[in-house]
Structure formats: C-alpha cells, structure tokens
Amino acid sequence: MNAEKKENARQPHTLSLRDRGLLEMRGVTDVISFDEETIELSTVCGNLTVEGNELHIKVLNLAEGVVSVDGTVAALTYADDRENEQKSGRGLFHRRGR
C-alpha cells in the first residue's frame, strides 16, 4: 500500500448528497470505472457504486480522497465483502470437503 492510500485510509468516509444532483465524497481511494450511468469507487469503507443518469465526475483528487459527482443520482450501493465470501462458500466457517 503506498503512502497516499495509507493517508486516505485514516480519513473518515463521508457522503453529502444535495437534491439528488450533487454528490460530494471523502475517503475515496480509487475510481474503478465510470460512465454516465454508473461510477464504481473504492473507499475506506469498501467499494461503492453510484447509479444514475448523466453522471459526471466534477472533482477528482485522490491525494486528498475527494470526489464530486453531478447528474441525477438514483442509487448508492456498497459491496459487502462478507456477503460475497458467504455466497462463494469461503467464509470463516466454511467446511472443506468431507
């Protein structure tokens, strides 16, 4: 993990959504992918998917962990790694073959 990502890991993750049209975030460590309908981000609290219409990244400052998005926000979804582990059978209490 480089120094920039270590610094971002220390800051809190915050979201501010105004009128479903302006989303401001802190604690963002990376942009995974983006288009006008979906933006996938890595944050200090896990991966976050922003869904909507005409989404545009207005501010991108990964050194400070700041991202600002405008457009119409329809949904914010966090990926739960624990849920994925359980679905794949690789959770903490997964039994190996009998």
PDB file of N, CA and C in Angstrom:
ATOM      1  N   MET A   1       0.856  -1.174   0.000  1.00  0.00           N
ATOM      2  CA  MET A   1       0.000   0.000   0.000  1.00  0.00           C
ATOM      3  C   MET A   1       0.898   1.232   0.000  1.00  0.00           C
ATOM      4  N   ASN A   2       0.696   2.148  -0.932  1.00  0.00           N
ATOM      5  CA  ASN A   2       1.549   3.324  -0.978  1.00  0.00           C
ATOM      6  C   ASN A   2       1.123   4.355   0.068  1.00  0.00           C
ATOM      7  N   ALA A   3       1.955   5.385   0.258  1.00  0.00           N
ATOM      8  CA  ALA A   3       1.708   6.383   1.298  1.00  0.00           C
ATOM      9  C   ALA A   3       0.387   7.105   1.088  1.00  0.00           C
ATOM     10  N   GLU A   4       0.025   7.384  -0.175  1.00  0.00           N
ATOM     11  CA  GLU A   4      -1.232   8.086  -0.468  1.00  0.00           C
ATOM     12  C   GLU A   4      -2.430   7.279   0.008  1.00  0.00           C
ATOM     13  N   LYS A   5      -2.450   5.991  -0.279  1.00  0.00           N
ATOM     14  CA  LYS A   5      -3.580   5.162   0.134  1.00  0.00           C
ATOM     15  C   LYS A   5      -3.603   4.988   1.648  1.00  0.00           C
ATOM     16  N   LYS A   6      -2.425   4.925   2.309  1.00  0.00           N
ATOM     17  CA  LYS A   6      -2.388   4.841   3.764  1.00  0.00           C
ATOM     18  C   LYS A   6      -2.991   6.094   4.374  1.00  0.00           C
ATOM     19  N   GLU A   7      -2.664   7.257   3.812  1.00  0.00           N
ATOM     20  CA  GLU A   7      -3.210   8.513   4.311  1.00  0.00           C
ATOM     21  C   GLU A   7      -4.724   8.543   4.146  1.00  0.00           C
ATOM     22  N   ASN A   8      -5.240   8.112   2.988  1.00  0.00           N
ATOM     23  CA  ASN A   8      -6.690   8.073   2.754  1.00  0.00           C
ATOM     24  C   ASN A   8      -7.386   7.123   3.711  1.00  0.00           C
ATOM     25  N   ALA A   9      -6.722   6.028   4.090  1.00  0.00           N
ATOM     26  CA  ALA A   9      -7.338   5.051   4.980  1.00  0.00           C
ATOM     27  C   ALA A   9      -7.596   5.640   6.361  1.00  0.00           C
ATOM     28  N   ARG A  10      -6.863   6.688   6.727  1.00  0.00           N
ATOM     29  CA  ARG A  10      -7.030   7.307   8.038  1.00  0.00           C
ATOM     30  C   ARG A  10      -8.197   8.282   8.075  1.00  0.00           C
ATOM     31  N   GLN A  11      -8.580   8.830   6.944  1.00  0.00           N
ATOM     32  CA  GLN A  11      -9.632   9.826   6.960  1.00  0.00           C
ATOM     33  C   GLN A  11     -11.009   9.176   6.950  1.00  0.00           C
ATOM     34  N   PRO A  12     -11.997   9.852   7.518  1.00  0.00           N
ATOM     35  CA  PRO A  12     -13.348   9.285   7.536  1.00  0.00           C
ATOM     36  C   PRO A  12     -13.974   9.301   6.151  1.00  0.00           C
ATOM     37  N   HIS A  13     -14.912   8.391   5.958  1.00  0.00           N
ATOM     38  CA  HIS A  13     -15.658   8.338   4.700  1.00  0.00           C
ATOM     39  C   HIS A  13     -16.962   9.090   4.920  1.00  0.00           C
ATOM     40  N   THR A  14     -17.176  10.124   4.130  1.00  0.00           N
ATOM     41  CA  THR A  14     -18.404  10.902   4.241  1.00  0.00           C
ATOM     42  C   THR A  14     -19.037  11.066   2.869  1.00  0.00           C
ATOM     43  N   LEU A  15     -20.356  11.172   2.872  1.00  0.00           N
ATOM     44  CA  LEU A  15     -21.137  11.427   1.660  1.00  0.00           C
ATOM     45  C   LEU A  15     -22.055  12.600   1.933  1.00  0.00           C
ATOM     46  N   SER A  16     -22.186  13.478   0.947  1.00  0.00           N
ATOM     47  CA  SER A  16     -23.139  14.567   1.019  1.00  0.00           C
ATOM     48  C   SER A  16     -23.871  14.605  -0.317  1.00  0.00           C
ATOM     49  N   LEU A  17     -25.185  14.405  -0.279  1.00  0.00           N
ATOM     50  CA  LEU A  17     -25.996  14.398  -1.493  1.00  0.00           C
ATOM     51  C   LEU A  17     -26.993  15.547  -1.411  1.00  0.00           C
ATOM     52  N   ARG A  18     -26.917  16.446  -2.385  1.00  0.00           N
ATOM     53  CA  ARG A  18     -27.824  17.600  -2.422  1.00  0.00           C
ATOM     54  C   ARG A  18     -28.793  17.456  -3.581  1.00  0.00           C
ATOM     55  N   ASP A  19     -30.069  17.391  -3.270  1.00  0.00           N
ATOM     56  CA  ASP A  19     -31.141  17.359  -4.266  1.00  0.00           C
ATOM     57  C   ASP A  19     -30.934  16.283  -5.332  1.00  0.00           C
ATOM     58  N   ARG A  20     -30.301  15.190  -4.967  1.00  0.00           N
ATOM     59  CA  ARG A  20     -30.005  14.076  -5.880  1.00  0.00           C
ATOM     60  C   ARG A  20     -29.188  14.502  -7.089  1.00  0.00           C
ATOM     61  N   GLY A  21     -28.609  15.716  -7.049  1.00  0.00           N
ATOM     62  CA  GLY A  21     -27.896  16.225  -8.205  1.00  0.00           C
ATOM     63  C   GLY A  21     -26.417  16.491  -7.992  1.00  0.00           C
ATOM     64  N   LEU A  22     -25.982  16.580  -6.738  1.00  0.00           N
ATOM     65  CA  LEU A  22     -24.572  16.822  -6.447  1.00  0.00           C
ATOM     66  C   LEU A  22     -24.150  15.924  -5.296  1.00  0.00           C
ATOM     67  N   LEU A  23     -23.230  15.011  -5.569  1.00  0.00           N
ATOM     68  CA  LEU A  23     -22.730  14.064  -4.579  1.00  0.00           C
ATOM     69  C   LEU A  23     -21.274  14.401  -4.293  1.00  0.00           C
ATOM     70  N   GLU A  24     -20.980  14.724  -3.038  1.00  0.00           N
ATOM     71  CA  GLU A  24     -19.608  15.006  -2.621  1.00  0.00           C
ATOM     72  C   GLU A  24     -19.167  13.936  -1.637  1.00  0.00           C
ATOM     73  N   MET A  25     -17.969  13.399  -1.860  1.00  0.00           N
ATOM     74  CA  MET A  25     -17.478  12.284  -1.040  1.00  0.00           C
ATOM     75  C   MET A  25     -16.059  12.526  -0.565  1.00  0.00           C
ATOM     76  N   ARG A  26     -15.750  12.001   0.597  1.00  0.00           N
ATOM     77  CA  ARG A  26     -14.396  11.968   1.139  1.00  0.00           C
ATOM     78  C   ARG A  26     -14.086  10.529   1.531  1.00  0.00           C
ATOM     79  N   GLY A  27     -12.810  10.206   1.590  1.00  0.00           N
ATOM     80  CA  GLY A  27     -12.409   8.848   1.929  1.00  0.00           C
ATOM     81  C   GLY A  27     -12.386   7.925   0.721  1.00  0.00           C
ATOM     82  N   VAL A  28     -12.296   8.507  -0.474  1.00  0.00           N
ATOM     83  CA  VAL A  28     -12.236   7.722  -1.709  1.00  0.00           C
ATOM     84  C   VAL A  28     -10.769   7.424  -2.009  1.00  0.00           C
ATOM     85  N   THR A  29     -10.465   6.160  -2.295  1.00  0.00           N
ATOM     86  CA  THR A  29      -9.083   5.775  -2.565  1.00  0.00           C
ATOM     87  C   THR A  29      -8.800   5.522  -4.036  1.00  0.00           C
ATOM     88  N   ASP A  30      -9.844   5.229  -4.838  1.00  0.00           N
ATOM     89  CA  ASP A  30      -9.620   4.947  -6.256  1.00  0.00           C
ATOM     90  C   ASP A  30     -10.941   4.995  -7.017  1.00  0.00           C
ATOM     91  N   VAL A  31     -10.858   5.294  -8.305  1.00  0.00           N
ATOM     92  CA  VAL A  31     -12.007   5.189  -9.203  1.00  0.00           C
ATOM     93  C   VAL A  31     -11.799   3.905 -10.002  1.00  0.00           C
ATOM     94  N   ILE A  32     -12.708   2.953  -9.857  1.00  0.00           N
ATOM     95  CA  ILE A  32     -12.593   1.661 -10.533  1.00  0.00           C
ATOM     96  C   ILE A  32     -13.053   1.777 -11.975  1.00  0.00           C
ATOM     97  N   SER A  33     -14.231   2.357 -12.191  1.00  0.00           N
ATOM     98  CA  SER A  33     -14.758   2.560 -13.538  1.00  0.00           C
ATOM     99  C   SER A  33     -15.842   3.631 -13.484  1.00  0.00           C
ATOM    100  N   PHE A  34     -16.143   4.191 -14.657  1.00  0.00           N
ATOM    101  CA  PHE A  34     -17.204   5.194 -14.690  1.00  0.00           C
ATOM    102  C   PHE A  34     -17.741   5.356 -16.104  1.00  0.00           C
ATOM    103  N   ASP A  35     -19.012   5.666 -16.181  1.00  0.00           N
ATOM    104  CA  ASP A  35     -19.661   6.125 -17.398  1.00  0.00           C
ATOM    105  C   ASP A  35     -20.815   7.014 -16.952  1.00  0.00           C
ATOM    106  N   GLU A  36     -21.697   7.409 -17.848  1.00  0.00           N
ATOM    107  CA  GLU A  36     -22.760   8.350 -17.486  1.00  0.00           C
ATOM    108  C   GLU A  36     -23.868   7.736 -16.631  1.00  0.00           C
ATOM    109  N   GLU A  37     -23.869   6.397 -16.481  1.00  0.00           N
ATOM    110  CA  GLU A  37     -24.908   5.746 -15.682  1.00  0.00           C
ATOM    111  C   GLU A  37     -24.391   5.063 -14.425  1.00  0.00           C
ATOM    112  N   THR A  38     -23.090   4.766 -14.370  1.00  0.00           N
ATOM    113  CA  THR A  38     -22.533   4.046 -13.225  1.00  0.00           C
ATOM    114  C   THR A  38     -21.112   4.509 -12.941  1.00  0.00           C
ATOM    115  N   ILE A  39     -20.840   4.789 -11.666  1.00  0.00           N
ATOM    116  CA  ILE A  39     -19.481   5.103 -11.225  1.00  0.00           C
ATOM    117  C   ILE A  39     -19.148   4.142 -10.097  1.00  0.00           C
ATOM    118  N   GLU A  40     -18.035   3.413 -10.238  1.00  0.00           N
ATOM    119  CA  GLU A  40     -17.591   2.486  -9.209  1.00  0.00           C
ATOM    120  C   GLU A  40     -16.334   3.038  -8.554  1.00  0.00           C
ATOM    121  N   LEU A  41     -16.390   3.154  -7.224  1.00  0.00           N
ATOM    122  CA  LEU A  41     -15.306   3.750  -6.462  1.00  0.00           C
ATOM    123  C   LEU A  41     -14.835   2.795  -5.373  1.00  0.00           C
ATOM    124  N   SER A  42     -13.579   2.905  -5.024  1.00  0.00           N
ATOM    125  CA  SER A  42     -13.045   2.214  -3.861  1.00  0.00           C
ATOM    126  C   SER A  42     -12.938   3.262  -2.755  1.00  0.00           C
ATOM    127  N   THR A  43     -13.510   2.969  -1.578  1.00  0.00           N
ATOM    128  CA  THR A  43     -13.460   3.900  -0.454  1.00  0.00           C
ATOM    129  C   THR A  43     -12.846   3.191   0.749  1.00  0.00           C
ATOM    130  N   VAL A  44     -12.602   3.944   1.789  1.00  0.00           N
ATOM    131  CA  VAL A  44     -12.052   3.355   3.009  1.00  0.00           C
ATOM    132  C   VAL A  44     -13.070   2.445   3.698  1.00  0.00           C
ATOM    133  N   CYS A  45     -14.321   2.482   3.261  1.00  0.00           N
ATOM    134  CA  CYS A  45     -15.372   1.619   3.811  1.00  0.00           C
ATOM    135  C   CYS A  45     -15.811   0.539   2.830  1.00  0.00           C
ATOM    136  N   GLY A  46     -15.046   0.292   1.777  1.00  0.00           N
ATOM    137  CA  GLY A  46     -15.390  -0.720   0.781  1.00  0.00           C
ATOM    138  C   GLY A  46     -15.750  -0.082  -0.554  1.00  0.00           C
ATOM    139  N   ASN A  47     -16.076  -0.928  -1.511  1.00  0.00           N
ATOM    140  CA  ASN A  47     -16.426  -0.439  -2.845  1.00  0.00           C
ATOM    141  C   ASN A  47     -17.828   0.160  -2.849  1.00  0.00           C
ATOM    142  N   LEU A  48     -17.964   1.269  -3.557  1.00  0.00           N
ATOM    143  CA  LEU A  48     -19.227   1.998  -3.637  1.00  0.00           C
ATOM    144  C   LEU A  48     -19.607   2.159  -5.101  1.00  0.00           C
ATOM    145  N   THR A  49     -20.861   1.816  -5.430  1.00  0.00           N
ATOM    146  CA  THR A  49     -21.382   2.014  -6.782  1.00  0.00           C
ATOM    147  C   THR A  49     -22.416   3.126  -6.736  1.00  0.00           C
ATOM    148  N   VAL A  50     -22.229   4.116  -7.591  1.00  0.00           N
ATOM    149  CA  VAL A  50     -23.178   5.217  -7.741  1.00  0.00           C
ATOM    150  C   VAL A  50     -23.890   4.994  -9.065  1.00  0.00           C
ATOM    151  N   GLU A  51     -25.226   4.907  -9.027  1.00  0.00           N
ATOM    152  CA  GLU A  51     -26.012   4.711 -10.242  1.00  0.00           C
ATOM    153  C   GLU A  51     -26.900   5.925 -10.469  1.00  0.00           C
ATOM    154  N   GLY A  52     -27.125   6.249 -11.735  1.00  0.00           N
ATOM    155  CA  GLY A  52     -27.964   7.391 -12.049  1.00  0.00           C
ATOM    156  C   GLY A  52     -27.952   7.702 -13.529  1.00  0.00           C
ATOM    157  N   ASN A  53     -28.209   8.952 -13.860  1.00  0.00           N
ATOM    158  CA  ASN A  53     -28.256   9.422 -15.245  1.00  0.00           C
ATOM    159  C   ASN A  53     -27.392  10.662 -15.394  1.00  0.00           C
ATOM    160  N   GLU A  54     -26.706  10.741 -16.534  1.00  0.00           N
ATOM    161  CA  GLU A  54     -25.861  11.884 -16.858  1.00  0.00           C
ATOM    162  C   GLU A  54     -24.871  12.200 -15.739  1.00  0.00           C
ATOM    163  N   LEU A  55     -24.242  11.149 -15.190  1.00  0.00           N
ATOM    164  CA  LEU A  55     -23.269  11.319 -14.111  1.00  0.00           C
ATOM    165  C   LEU A  55     -21.937  11.793 -14.677  1.00  0.00           C
ATOM    166  N   HIS A  56     -21.361  12.800 -14.029  1.00  0.00           N
ATOM    167  CA  HIS A  56     -20.064  13.333 -14.428  1.00  0.00           C
ATOM    168  C   HIS A  56     -19.218  13.569 -13.179  1.00  0.00           C
ATOM    169  N   ILE A  57     -17.959  13.202 -13.241  1.00  0.00           N
ATOM    170  CA  ILE A  57     -17.045  13.472 -12.134  1.00  0.00           C
ATOM    171  C   ILE A  57     -16.555  14.908 -12.295  1.00  0.00           C
ATOM    172  N   LYS A  58     -16.965  15.776 -11.358  1.00  0.00           N
ATOM    173  CA  LYS A  58     -16.580  17.188 -11.399  1.00  0.00           C
ATOM    174  C   LYS A  58     -15.227  17.412 -10.746  1.00  0.00           C
ATOM    175  N   VAL A  59     -15.019  16.795  -9.593  1.00  0.00           N
ATOM    176  CA  VAL A  59     -13.774  16.941  -8.842  1.00  0.00           C
ATOM    177  C   VAL A  59     -13.230  15.552  -8.575  1.00  0.00           C
ATOM    178  N   LEU A  60     -11.934  15.379  -8.856  1.00  0.00           N
ATOM    179  CA  LEU A  60     -11.255  14.113  -8.576  1.00  0.00           C
ATOM    180  C   LEU A  60      -9.888  14.448  -7.995  1.00  0.00           C
ATOM    181  N   ASN A  61      -9.749  14.235  -6.689  1.00  0.00           N
ATOM    182  CA  ASN A  61      -8.487  14.488  -6.008  1.00  0.00           C
ATOM    183  C   ASN A  61      -8.212  13.302  -5.092  1.00  0.00           C
ATOM    184  N   LEU A  62      -7.594  12.259  -5.654  1.00  0.00           N
ATOM    185  CA  LEU A  62      -7.342  11.048  -4.872  1.00  0.00           C
ATOM    186  C   LEU A  62      -6.280  11.266  -3.798  1.00  0.00           C
ATOM    187  N   ALA A  63      -5.407  12.253  -3.981  1.00  0.00           N
ATOM    188  CA  ALA A  63      -4.406  12.548  -2.957  1.00  0.00           C
ATOM    189  C   ALA A  63      -5.088  12.964  -1.650  1.00  0.00           C
ATOM    190  N   GLU A  64      -6.229  13.657  -1.772  1.00  0.00           N
ATOM    191  CA  GLU A  64      -6.990  14.065  -0.593  1.00  0.00           C
ATOM    192  C   GLU A  64      -8.206  13.179  -0.366  1.00  0.00           C
ATOM    193  N   GLY A  65      -8.477  12.242  -1.275  1.00  0.00           N
ATOM    194  CA  GLY A  65      -9.615  11.337  -1.136  1.00  0.00           C
ATOM    195  C   GLY A  65     -10.947  11.983  -1.443  1.00  0.00           C
ATOM    196  N   VAL A  66     -10.947  13.035  -2.259  1.00  0.00           N
ATOM    197  CA  VAL A  66     -12.159  13.814  -2.526  1.00  0.00           C
ATOM    198  C   VAL A  66     -12.654  13.559  -3.952  1.00  0.00           C
ATOM    199  N   VAL A  67     -13.961  13.276  -4.067  1.00  0.00           N
ATOM    200  CA  VAL A  67     -14.604  13.122  -5.372  1.00  0.00           C
ATOM    201  C   VAL A  67     -15.953  13.828  -5.311  1.00  0.00           C
ATOM    202  N   SER A  68     -16.272  14.539  -6.380  1.00  0.00           N
ATOM    203  CA  SER A  68     -17.558  15.210  -6.502  1.00  0.00           C
ATOM    204  C   SER A  68     -18.190  14.789  -7.825  1.00  0.00           C
ATOM    205  N   VAL A  69     -19.467  14.422  -7.769  1.00  0.00           N
ATOM    206  CA  VAL A  69     -20.185  13.923  -8.945  1.00  0.00           C
ATOM    207  C   VAL A  69     -21.452  14.747  -9.113  1.00  0.00           C
ATOM    208  N   ASP A  70     -21.745  15.156 -10.369  1.00  0.00           N
ATOM    209  CA  ASP A  70     -23.032  15.787 -10.626  1.00  0.00           C
ATOM    210  C   ASP A  70     -23.808  14.944 -11.630  1.00  0.00           C
ATOM    211  N   GLY A  71     -25.098  15.173 -11.705  1.00  0.00           N
ATOM    212  CA  GLY A  71     -26.015  14.371 -12.503  1.00  0.00           C
ATOM    213  C   GLY A  71     -27.187  13.993 -11.623  1.00  0.00           C
ATOM    214  N   THR A  72     -27.972  13.034 -12.051  1.00  0.00           N
ATOM    215  CA  THR A  72     -29.102  12.568 -11.243  1.00  0.00           C
ATOM    216  C   THR A  72     -28.726  11.251 -10.584  1.00  0.00           C
ATOM    217  N   VAL A  73     -28.606  11.256  -9.262  1.00  0.00           N
ATOM    218  CA  VAL A  73     -28.223  10.058  -8.508  1.00  0.00           C
ATOM    219  C   VAL A  73     -29.480   9.251  -8.188  1.00  0.00           C
ATOM    220  N   ALA A  74     -29.487   7.980  -8.594  1.00  0.00           N
ATOM    221  CA  ALA A  74     -30.625   7.103  -8.344  1.00  0.00           C
ATOM    222  C   ALA A  74     -30.357   6.120  -7.208  1.00  0.00           C
ATOM    223  N   ALA A  75     -29.088   5.695  -7.043  1.00  0.00           N
ATOM    224  CA  ALA A  75     -28.783   4.695  -6.015  1.00  0.00           C
ATOM    225  C   ALA A  75     -27.317   4.763  -5.616  1.00  0.00           C
ATOM    226  N   LEU A  76     -27.072   4.467  -4.332  1.00  0.00           N
ATOM    227  CA  LEU A  76     -25.729   4.316  -3.785  1.00  0.00           C
ATOM    228  C   LEU A  76     -25.673   2.938  -3.149  1.00  0.00           C
ATOM    229  N   THR A  77     -24.742   2.100  -3.590  1.00  0.00           N
ATOM    230  CA  THR A  77     -24.683   0.723  -3.097  1.00  0.00           C
ATOM    231  C   THR A  77     -23.251   0.374  -2.711  1.00  0.00           C
ATOM    232  N   TYR A  78     -23.094  -0.134  -1.486  1.00  0.00           N
ATOM    233  CA  TYR A  78     -21.792  -0.613  -1.035  1.00  0.00           C
ATOM    234  C   TYR A  78     -21.709  -2.109  -1.243  1.00  0.00           C
ATOM    235  N   ALA A  79     -20.553  -2.576  -1.715  1.00  0.00           N
ATOM    236  CA  ALA A  79     -20.311  -4.013  -1.832  1.00  0.00           C
ATOM    237  C   ALA A  79     -19.930  -4.513  -0.444  1.00  0.00           C
ATOM    238  N   ASP A  80     -20.511  -5.617  -0.036  1.00  0.00           N
ATOM    239  CA  ASP A  80     -20.215  -6.205   1.264  1.00  0.00           C
ATOM    240  C   ASP A  80     -19.353  -7.428   1.042  1.00  0.00           C
ATOM    241  N   ASP A  81     -18.064  -7.329   1.320  1.00  0.00           N
ATOM    242  CA  ASP A  81     -17.141  -8.440   1.103  1.00  0.00           C
ATOM    243  C   ASP A  81     -17.545  -9.671   1.904  1.00  0.00           C
ATOM    244  N   ARG A  82     -18.112  -9.466   3.088  1.00  0.00           N
ATOM    245  CA  ARG A  82     -18.528 -10.620   3.902  1.00  0.00           C
ATOM    246  C   ARG A  82     -19.642 -11.389   3.210  1.00  0.00           C
ATOM    247  N   GLU A  83     -20.585 -10.674   2.586  1.00  0.00           N
ATOM    248  CA  GLU A  83     -21.675 -11.322   1.857  1.00  0.00           C
ATOM    249  C   GLU A  83     -21.120 -12.123   0.686  1.00  0.00           C
ATOM    250  N   ASN A  84     -20.146 -11.553  -0.042  1.00  0.00           N
ATOM    251  CA  ASN A  84     -19.535 -12.254  -1.166  1.00  0.00           C
ATOM    252  C   ASN A  84     -18.815 -13.511  -0.714  1.00  0.00           C
ATOM    253  N   GLU A  85     -18.145 -13.454   0.449  1.00  0.00           N
ATOM    254  CA  GLU A  85     -17.461 -14.639   0.972  1.00  0.00           C
ATOM    255  C   GLU A  85     -18.457 -15.746   1.294  1.00  0.00           C
ATOM    256  N   GLN A  86     -19.597 -15.388   1.884  1.00  0.00           N
ATOM    257  CA  GLN A  86     -20.595 -16.390   2.230  1.00  0.00           C
ATOM    258  C   GLN A  86     -21.194 -17.023   0.983  1.00  0.00           C
ATOM    259  N   LYS A  87     -21.459 -16.223  -0.042  1.00  0.00           N
ATOM    260  CA  LYS A  87     -22.025 -16.754  -1.274  1.00  0.00           C
ATOM    261  C   LYS A  87     -21.051 -17.701  -1.966  1.00  0.00           C
ATOM    262  N   SER A  88     -19.751 -17.392  -1.883  1.00  0.00           N
ATOM    263  CA  SER A  88     -18.771 -18.235  -2.553  1.00  0.00           C
ATOM    264  C   SER A  88     -18.374 -19.436  -1.695  1.00  0.00           C
ATOM    265  N   GLY A  89     -18.868 -19.476  -0.447  1.00  0.00           N
ATOM    266  CA  GLY A  89     -18.530 -20.588   0.432  1.00  0.00           C
ATOM    267  C   GLY A  89     -17.144 -20.465   1.024  1.00  0.00           C
ATOM    268  N   ARG A  90     -16.590 -19.282   1.036  1.00  0.00           N
ATOM    269  CA  ARG A  90     -15.243 -19.085   1.562  1.00  0.00           C
ATOM    270  C   ARG A  90     -15.259 -18.271   2.846  1.00  0.00           C
ATOM    271  N   GLY A  91     -16.342 -18.247   3.531  1.00  0.00           N
ATOM    272  CA  GLY A  91     -16.432 -17.510   4.779  1.00  0.00           C
ATOM    273  C   GLY A  91     -15.619 -18.164   5.877  1.00  0.00           C
ATOM    274  N   LEU A  92     -15.614 -17.551   7.024  1.00  0.00           N
ATOM    275  CA  LEU A  92     -14.829 -18.022   8.153  1.00  0.00           C
ATOM    276  C   LEU A  92     -15.185 -19.445   8.565  1.00  0.00           C
ATOM    277  N   PHE A  93     -16.466 -19.811   8.499  1.00  0.00           N
ATOM    278  CA  PHE A  93     -16.902 -21.126   8.966  1.00  0.00           C
ATOM    279  C   PHE A  93     -17.158 -22.119   7.834  1.00  0.00           C
ATOM    280  N   HIS A  94     -16.598 -21.846   6.673  1.00  0.00           N
ATOM    281  CA  HIS A  94     -16.765 -22.740   5.525  1.00  0.00           C
ATOM    282  C   HIS A  94     -16.102 -24.085   5.815  1.00  0.00           C
ATOM    283  N   ARG A  95     -16.837 -25.183   5.567  1.00  0.00           N
ATOM    284  CA  ARG A  95     -16.296 -26.530   5.743  1.00  0.00           C
ATOM    285  C   ARG A  95     -15.689 -26.990   4.426  1.00  0.00           C
ATOM    286  N   ARG A  96     -14.535 -27.505   4.509  1.00  0.00           N
ATOM    287  CA  ARG A  96     -13.923 -28.095   3.318  1.00  0.00           C
ATOM    288  C   ARG A  96     -14.483 -29.487   3.150  1.00  0.00           C
ATOM    289  N   GLY A  97     -14.281 -30.066   1.988  1.00  0.00           N
ATOM    290  CA  GLY A  97     -14.839 -31.382   1.637  1.00  0.00           C
ATOM    291  C   GLY A  97     -14.849 -32.374   2.778  1.00  0.00           C
ATOM    292  N   ARG A  98     -15.837 -33.235   2.798  1.00  0.00           N
ATOM    293  CA  ARG A  98     -15.989 -34.209   3.880  1.00  0.00           C
ATOM    294  C   ARG A  98     -15.155 -35.408   3.694  1.00  0.00           C
TER     295      ARG A  98
END
